[in-house]
Amino acid sequence: MMTGVDTEMLIDVWQRLLADPHKSWVLFEHGTCVVLPAPEGDLAEQATDLLKQFGPAHAGSSAGDFGVIDLEDAEGWVVTGHHNDVLTYVGPDEPQDASQIAVGLFGRSKRHRDGTELHVVHVEDNRGSAQQE
């Protein structure tokens, strides 16, 4: 398990995974990324509101559900949850067990931490790129 979260590495991974230059997104401390398809106002605030609602995991409800995506453009996985725009990156060195269930549970726990701690580490504001073309 990672002892410290490497923010620069996480930013690099999400920039590669979300290669659409028109997508704005916000990264939280433990690797959860909130994609903002209709960004407006303060992006960190908009993403925080969304993650506050859809980040915490509640076993036995849709908030406990997850899916695991094997990545082609980076090592590791993306764990999805009950909101399509809330995604959590899990690095290849994080879970001791690389099974889908272990990766999913690990990613869900990271999303839960981000959804309760709500610490923004990066904002990718691409609202201007759509207007420049």
C-alpha atoms as a PDB file:
ATOM      1  CA  MET A   1       0.000   0.000   0.000  1.00  0.00           C
ATOM      2  CA  MET A   2       1.236   3.493  -0.791  1.00  0.00           C
ATOM      3  CA  THR A   3       2.523   5.305   2.257  1.00  0.00           C
ATOM      4  CA  GLY A   4       2.132   8.747   0.722  1.00  0.00           C
ATOM      5  CA  VAL A   5       0.021   9.754  -2.208  1.00  0.00           C
ATOM      6  CA  ASP A   6       2.088  11.052  -5.115  1.00  0.00           C
ATOM      7  CA  THR A   7      -0.035  13.943  -6.352  1.00  0.00           C
ATOM      8  CA  GLU A   8       2.091  14.613  -9.445  1.00  0.00           C
ATOM      9  CA  MET A   9       1.828  10.955 -10.485  1.00  0.00           C
ATOM     10  CA  LEU A  10      -1.959  11.045 -10.005  1.00  0.00           C
ATOM     11  CA  ILE A  11      -2.271  14.237 -12.079  1.00  0.00           C
ATOM     12  CA  ASP A  12      -0.201  12.645 -14.846  1.00  0.00           C
ATOM     13  CA  VAL A  13      -2.307   9.471 -14.843  1.00  0.00           C
ATOM     14  CA  TRP A  14      -5.602  11.379 -14.977  1.00  0.00           C
ATOM     15  CA  GLN A  15      -4.320  13.688 -17.730  1.00  0.00           C
ATOM     16  CA  ARG A  16      -3.545  10.590 -19.805  1.00  0.00           C
ATOM     17  CA  LEU A  17      -6.819   8.848 -18.975  1.00  0.00           C
ATOM     18  CA  LEU A  18      -8.962  11.937 -19.570  1.00  0.00           C
ATOM     19  CA  ALA A  19      -7.312  13.000 -22.801  1.00  0.00           C
ATOM     20  CA  ASP A  20     -10.350  14.967 -24.039  1.00  0.00           C
ATOM     21  CA  PRO A  21      -9.092  18.583 -23.981  1.00  0.00           C
ATOM     22  CA  HIS A  22     -12.628  19.840 -23.299  1.00  0.00           C
ATOM     23  CA  LYS A  23     -13.118  17.872 -20.072  1.00  0.00           C
ATOM     24  CA  SER A  24     -12.700  19.718 -16.803  1.00  0.00           C
ATOM     25  CA  TRP A  25     -12.038  17.639 -13.727  1.00  0.00           C
ATOM     26  CA  VAL A  26     -11.011  17.847 -10.096  1.00  0.00           C
ATOM     27  CA  LEU A  27      -8.626  15.471  -8.324  1.00  0.00           C
ATOM     28  CA  PHE A  28      -8.888  14.623  -4.635  1.00  0.00           C
ATOM     29  CA  GLU A  29      -6.095  13.549  -2.301  1.00  0.00           C
ATOM     30  CA  HIS A  30      -6.542   9.770  -2.464  1.00  0.00           C
ATOM     31  CA  GLY A  31      -6.934   9.464  -6.243  1.00  0.00           C
ATOM     32  CA  THR A  32     -10.624  10.124  -6.819  1.00  0.00           C
ATOM     33  CA  CYS A  33     -11.357  12.230  -9.861  1.00  0.00           C
ATOM     34  CA  VAL A  34     -14.652  14.031 -10.448  1.00  0.00           C
ATOM     35  CA  VAL A  35     -15.279  14.764 -14.122  1.00  0.00           C
ATOM     36  CA  LEU A  36     -17.439  17.841 -14.701  1.00  0.00           C
ATOM     37  CA  PRO A  37     -19.356  17.490 -17.989  1.00  0.00           C
ATOM     38  CA  ALA A  38     -21.128  20.819 -17.376  1.00  0.00           C
ATOM     39  CA  PRO A  39     -18.534  22.855 -15.460  1.00  0.00           C
ATOM     40  CA  GLU A  40     -19.712  26.116 -14.002  1.00  0.00           C
ATOM     41  CA  GLY A  41     -18.570  28.505 -11.302  1.00  0.00           C
ATOM     42  CA  ASP A  42     -15.946  27.253  -8.872  1.00  0.00           C
ATOM     43  CA  LEU A  43     -14.946  23.802 -10.153  1.00  0.00           C
ATOM     44  CA  ALA A  44     -13.470  22.633  -6.842  1.00  0.00           C
ATOM     45  CA  GLU A  45     -16.703  23.568  -5.087  1.00  0.00           C
ATOM     46  CA  GLN A  46     -18.841  21.875  -7.751  1.00  0.00           C
ATOM     47  CA  ALA A  47     -16.755  18.672  -7.548  1.00  0.00           C
ATOM     48  CA  THR A  48     -16.690  18.728  -3.756  1.00  0.00           C
ATOM     49  CA  ASP A  49     -20.493  18.950  -3.620  1.00  0.00           C
ATOM     50  CA  LEU A  50     -20.759  15.990  -6.009  1.00  0.00           C
ATOM     51  CA  LEU A  51     -18.190  13.895  -4.133  1.00  0.00           C
ATOM     52  CA  LYS A  52     -19.738  14.721  -0.771  1.00  0.00           C
ATOM     53  CA  GLN A  53     -22.956  13.153  -2.073  1.00  0.00           C
ATOM     54  CA  PHE A  54     -21.565  10.280  -4.174  1.00  0.00           C
ATOM     55  CA  GLY A  55     -18.181   9.521  -2.554  1.00  0.00           C
ATOM     56  CA  PRO A  56     -18.933   7.905   0.790  1.00  0.00           C
ATOM     57  CA  ALA A  57     -19.520   4.161   0.515  1.00  0.00           C
ATOM     58  CA  HIS A  58     -22.501   2.612   2.265  1.00  0.00           C
ATOM     59  CA  ALA A  59     -22.455  -1.182   2.138  1.00  0.00           C
ATOM     60  CA  GLY A  60     -25.730  -2.737   1.079  1.00  0.00           C
ATOM     61  CA  SER A  61     -26.784   0.258  -0.999  1.00  0.00           C
ATOM     62  CA  SER A  62     -25.882   1.510  -4.477  1.00  0.00           C
ATOM     63  CA  ALA A  63     -23.214   3.629  -2.741  1.00  0.00           C
ATOM     64  CA  GLY A  64     -21.364   0.389  -1.992  1.00  0.00           C
ATOM     65  CA  ASP A  65     -21.412  -0.819  -5.593  1.00  0.00           C
ATOM     66  CA  PHE A  66     -18.308  -0.618  -7.767  1.00  0.00           C
ATOM     67  CA  GLY A  67     -16.864  -1.699 -11.075  1.00  0.00           C
ATOM     68  CA  VAL A  68     -13.221  -2.211 -12.018  1.00  0.00           C
ATOM     69  CA  ILE A  69     -11.701  -1.084 -15.324  1.00  0.00           C
ATOM     70  CA  ASP A  70      -8.337  -2.479 -16.413  1.00  0.00           C
ATOM     71  CA  LEU A  71      -6.376   0.384 -17.941  1.00  0.00           C
ATOM     72  CA  GLU A  72      -4.663   0.387 -21.315  1.00  0.00           C
ATOM     73  CA  ASP A  73      -3.062   3.854 -21.088  1.00  0.00           C
ATOM     74  CA  ALA A  74      -1.614   3.483 -17.592  1.00  0.00           C
ATOM     75  CA  GLU A  75      -0.722   0.798 -15.074  1.00  0.00           C
ATOM     76  CA  GLY A  76      -3.407   0.077 -12.533  1.00  0.00           C
ATOM     77  CA  TRP A  77      -7.181   0.307 -12.532  1.00  0.00           C
ATOM     78  CA  VAL A  78     -10.042   2.759 -12.353  1.00  0.00           C
ATOM     79  CA  VAL A  79     -12.780   1.910  -9.897  1.00  0.00           C
ATOM     80  CA  THR A  80     -16.235   3.222 -10.724  1.00  0.00           C
ATOM     81  CA  GLY A  81     -19.092   3.803  -8.337  1.00  0.00           C
ATOM     82  CA  HIS A  82     -22.741   4.788  -8.380  1.00  0.00           C
ATOM     83  CA  HIS A  83     -22.085   8.069 -10.233  1.00  0.00           C
ATOM     84  CA  ASN A  84     -20.572   7.894 -13.728  1.00  0.00           C
ATOM     85  CA  ASP A  85     -18.413  11.004 -13.227  1.00  0.00           C
ATOM     86  CA  VAL A  86     -16.773   9.884  -9.960  1.00  0.00           C
ATOM     87  CA  LEU A  87     -13.769   7.652 -10.669  1.00  0.00           C
ATOM     88  CA  THR A  88     -10.956   6.427  -8.441  1.00  0.00           C
ATOM     89  CA  TYR A  89      -7.483   5.418  -9.585  1.00  0.00           C
ATOM     90  CA  VAL A  90      -5.831   2.402  -7.955  1.00  0.00           C
ATOM     91  CA  GLY A  91      -2.148   1.942  -8.702  1.00  0.00           C
ATOM     92  CA  PRO A  92      -0.604  -1.464  -9.432  1.00  0.00           C
ATOM     93  CA  ASP A  93       1.387  -1.380  -6.177  1.00  0.00           C
ATOM     94  CA  GLU A  94      -1.550  -0.525  -3.902  1.00  0.00           C
ATOM     95  CA  PRO A  95      -3.686  -3.604  -3.246  1.00  0.00           C
ATOM     96  CA  GLN A  96      -1.751  -6.651  -2.119  1.00  0.00           C
ATOM     97  CA  ASP A  97      -4.231  -8.790  -4.042  1.00  0.00           C
ATOM     98  CA  ALA A  98      -4.799  -7.819  -7.682  1.00  0.00           C
ATOM     99  CA  SER A  99      -8.148  -9.636  -7.969  1.00  0.00           C
ATOM    100  CA  GLN A 100     -11.100  -7.591  -9.237  1.00  0.00           C
ATOM    101  CA  ILE A 101     -12.846  -7.742  -5.856  1.00  0.00           C
ATOM    102  CA  ALA A 102      -9.747  -6.649  -3.901  1.00  0.00           C
ATOM    103  CA  VAL A 103      -9.025  -3.798  -6.327  1.00  0.00           C
ATOM    104  CA  GLY A 104     -12.686  -2.731  -6.236  1.00  0.00           C
ATOM    105  CA  LEU A 105     -12.862  -2.736  -2.450  1.00  0.00           C
ATOM    106  CA  PHE A 106      -9.570  -0.848  -2.235  1.00  0.00           C
ATOM    107  CA  GLY A 107     -10.777   1.768  -4.736  1.00  0.00           C
ATOM    108  CA  ARG A 108     -14.104   2.064  -2.956  1.00  0.00           C
ATOM    109  CA  SER A 109     -12.299   2.703   0.334  1.00  0.00           C
ATOM    110  CA  LYS A 110     -10.177   5.416  -1.343  1.00  0.00           C
ATOM    111  CA  ARG A 111     -13.343   7.010  -2.784  1.00  0.00           C
ATOM    112  CA  HIS A 112     -14.913   6.875   0.669  1.00  0.00           C
ATOM    113  CA  ARG A 113     -11.916   8.659   2.207  1.00  0.00           C
ATOM    114  CA  ASP A 114     -11.991  11.315  -0.513  1.00  0.00           C
ATOM    115  CA  GLY A 115     -15.767  11.662  -0.102  1.00  0.00           C
ATOM    116  CA  THR A 116     -15.472  12.282   3.619  1.00  0.00           C
ATOM    117  CA  GLU A 117     -12.177  14.213   3.792  1.00  0.00           C
ATOM    118  CA  LEU A 118     -12.904  16.286   0.613  1.00  0.00           C
ATOM    119  CA  HIS A 119      -9.328  17.514   0.080  1.00  0.00           C
ATOM    120  CA  VAL A 120      -8.843  18.880  -3.461  1.00  0.00           C
ATOM    121  CA  VAL A 121      -5.269  18.580  -4.775  1.00  0.00           C
ATOM    122  CA  HIS A 122      -5.707  19.612  -8.441  1.00  0.00           C
ATOM    123  CA  VAL A 123      -8.234  21.358 -10.698  1.00  0.00           C
ATOM    124  CA  GLU A 124      -8.058  20.819 -14.464  1.00  0.00           C
ATOM    125  CA  ASP A 125     -10.112  23.694 -15.877  1.00  0.00           C
ATOM    126  CA  ASN A 126     -10.570  23.185 -19.611  1.00  0.00           C
ATOM    127  CA  ARG A 127     -13.592  25.441 -20.082  1.00  0.00           C
ATOM    128  CA  GLY A 128     -11.535  27.866 -22.193  1.00  0.00           C
ATOM    129  CA  SER A 129     -10.244  25.197 -24.599  1.00  0.00           C
ATOM    130  CA  ALA A 130     -13.693  24.714 -26.158  1.00  0.00           C
ATOM    131  CA  GLN A 131     -13.967  28.417 -26.919  1.00  0.00           C
ATOM    132  CA  GLN A 132     -10.464  28.705 -28.415  1.00  0.00           C
ATOM    133  CA  GLU A 133     -11.128  26.321 -31.323  1.00  0.00           C
END
